[in-house]
Amino acid sequence: MTVMGVLFAFPFYWMFTTSVKPQDEIFTFPPQLIPTSIQFNSYVEAWAMQDFTLYMLNTFKIMLFNIVLCVGVSAFVAYGFSLFSIQREKPPVFHCAGDHDHPQ
C-alpha cells in the first residue's frame, strides 16, 4: 500500500518541485528530484499575468451552488427514506445501494 501511495503522490511532488525550480534547472538532464534552490517568484508572475482573483471567485460561486444543491437534494432524499417503514433486517438505504454489488 505504501508503494502505491508513493506512486500516486509522485506526480504531485514532481509538479510542485518543478514549479519552484529556477528556469535553467527545469529541463536539465538527468532530471533532479530535489531542486538546488527554491524560488516562488513564478507564482507571483503567474498571478500578475492572469486575473486569478476572477478565476477563484468563479470557482467559489460554482462550489457554493453545488454545495447548496447537493445538501438540498440530499435533504429531500433523506426525508423520503425516513418515511419507509423498516420491515427487513436491514434498512432500505443499504438495500438499494448495497445489494447491487453484493448479491446474497
Protein backbone atom coordinates (compact mmCIF):
# COMPACT_ATOMS: atom_id res chain seq x y z
CA MET A 1 0.00 0.00 0.00
CA THR A 2 2.92 2.33 0.71
CA VAL A 3 4.34 1.70 -2.75
CA MET A 4 1.01 2.59 -4.36
CA GLY A 5 0.79 5.72 -2.19
CA VAL A 6 4.23 6.84 -3.34
CA LEU A 7 3.36 6.10 -6.97
CA PHE A 8 0.19 8.16 -6.77
CA ALA A 9 1.82 11.02 -4.84
CA PHE A 10 4.93 11.29 -7.02
CA PRO A 11 3.31 13.29 -9.88
CA PHE A 12 2.10 15.90 -7.38
CA TYR A 13 5.58 16.09 -5.85
CA TRP A 14 7.13 16.43 -9.31
CA MET A 15 4.67 19.15 -10.30
CA PHE A 16 5.36 21.18 -7.17
CA THR A 17 9.14 20.81 -7.28
CA THR A 18 9.18 21.76 -10.96
CA SER A 19 7.12 24.86 -10.22
CA VAL A 20 9.64 26.12 -7.64
CA LYS A 21 12.82 25.29 -9.62
CA PRO A 22 14.75 28.04 -11.40
CA GLN A 23 14.14 28.29 -15.15
CA ASP A 24 17.50 26.81 -16.15
CA GLU A 25 17.06 23.80 -13.86
CA ILE A 26 13.70 22.62 -15.24
CA PHE A 27 14.97 20.95 -18.43
CA THR A 28 18.30 19.60 -17.19
CA PHE A 29 19.23 16.02 -17.97
CA PRO A 30 19.22 13.87 -15.94
CA PRO A 31 16.31 15.40 -14.04
CA GLN A 32 16.85 16.24 -10.37
CA LEU A 33 14.29 15.11 -7.81
CA ILE A 34 15.32 17.76 -5.30
CA PRO A 35 15.82 21.33 -6.57
CA THR A 36 19.08 23.05 -5.67
CA SER A 37 17.33 26.35 -5.00
CA ILE A 38 13.67 27.11 -4.39
CA GLN A 39 12.05 30.17 -5.97
CA PHE A 40 8.40 31.10 -5.57
CA ASN A 41 8.55 34.05 -7.99
CA SER A 42 6.86 32.02 -10.75
CA TYR A 43 3.67 32.03 -8.67
CA VAL A 44 3.83 35.81 -8.29
CA GLU A 45 4.46 36.26 -12.01
CA ALA A 46 1.58 33.95 -12.96
CA TRP A 47 -0.79 35.77 -10.61
CA ALA A 48 0.24 39.10 -12.13
CA MET A 49 -0.09 37.90 -15.74
CA GLN A 50 -3.62 36.47 -15.39
CA ASP A 51 -6.65 37.52 -13.37
CA PHE A 52 -6.57 34.60 -10.93
CA THR A 53 -8.76 36.51 -8.49
CA LEU A 54 -11.61 36.34 -11.00
CA TYR A 55 -10.91 32.64 -11.62
CA MET A 56 -11.06 31.89 -7.90
CA LEU A 57 -14.25 33.91 -7.49
CA ASN A 58 -15.90 31.96 -10.30
CA THR A 59 -14.73 28.69 -8.74
CA PHE A 60 -16.20 29.65 -5.37
CA LYS A 61 -19.52 30.60 -6.99
CA ILE A 62 -19.77 27.19 -8.67
CA MET A 63 -18.66 25.44 -5.48
CA LEU A 64 -21.26 27.24 -3.36
CA PHE A 65 -24.03 26.47 -5.88
CA ASN A 66 -23.05 22.77 -5.93
CA ILE A 67 -22.95 22.53 -2.13
CA VAL A 68 -26.38 24.14 -1.74
CA LEU A 69 -27.83 21.91 -4.46
CA CYS A 70 -26.29 18.74 -3.00
CA VAL A 71 -27.47 19.49 0.54
CA GLY A 72 -30.95 20.38 -0.71
CA VAL A 73 -31.35 17.24 -2.80
CA SER A 74 -29.89 15.10 0.00
CA ALA A 75 -32.42 16.55 2.44
CA PHE A 76 -35.32 15.57 0.16
CA VAL A 77 -33.93 12.07 -0.32
CA ALA A 78 -33.33 11.65 3.42
CA TYR A 79 -36.89 12.74 4.12
CA GLY A 80 -38.16 10.21 1.59
CA PHE A 81 -36.11 7.41 3.18
CA SER A 82 -37.38 8.40 6.63
CA LEU A 83 -40.94 7.65 5.50
CA PHE A 84 -40.13 4.00 4.73
CA SER A 85 -41.05 1.51 7.41
CA ILE A 86 -38.23 -0.92 8.08
CA GLN A 87 -39.62 -4.44 7.92
CA ARG A 88 -36.46 -6.26 6.91
CA GLU A 89 -33.28 -7.00 8.79
CA LYS A 90 -31.51 -4.14 7.02
CA PRO A 91 -32.68 -0.59 6.24
CA PRO A 92 -33.84 0.26 2.71
CA VAL A 93 -30.86 2.55 2.15
CA PHE A 94 -28.47 -0.37 2.38
CA HIS A 95 -30.86 -2.50 0.37
CA CYS A 96 -30.86 -0.04 -2.53
CA ALA A 97 -27.17 0.76 -2.52
CA GLY A 98 -25.52 -2.42 -1.28
CA ASP A 99 -27.41 -5.26 -2.92
CA HIS A 100 -26.22 -4.36 -6.39
CA ASP A 101 -22.60 -5.05 -5.50
CA HIS A 102 -23.04 -7.90 -3.02
CA PRO A 103 -25.74 -10.39 -4.00
CA GLN A 104 -26.83 -12.82 -1.32
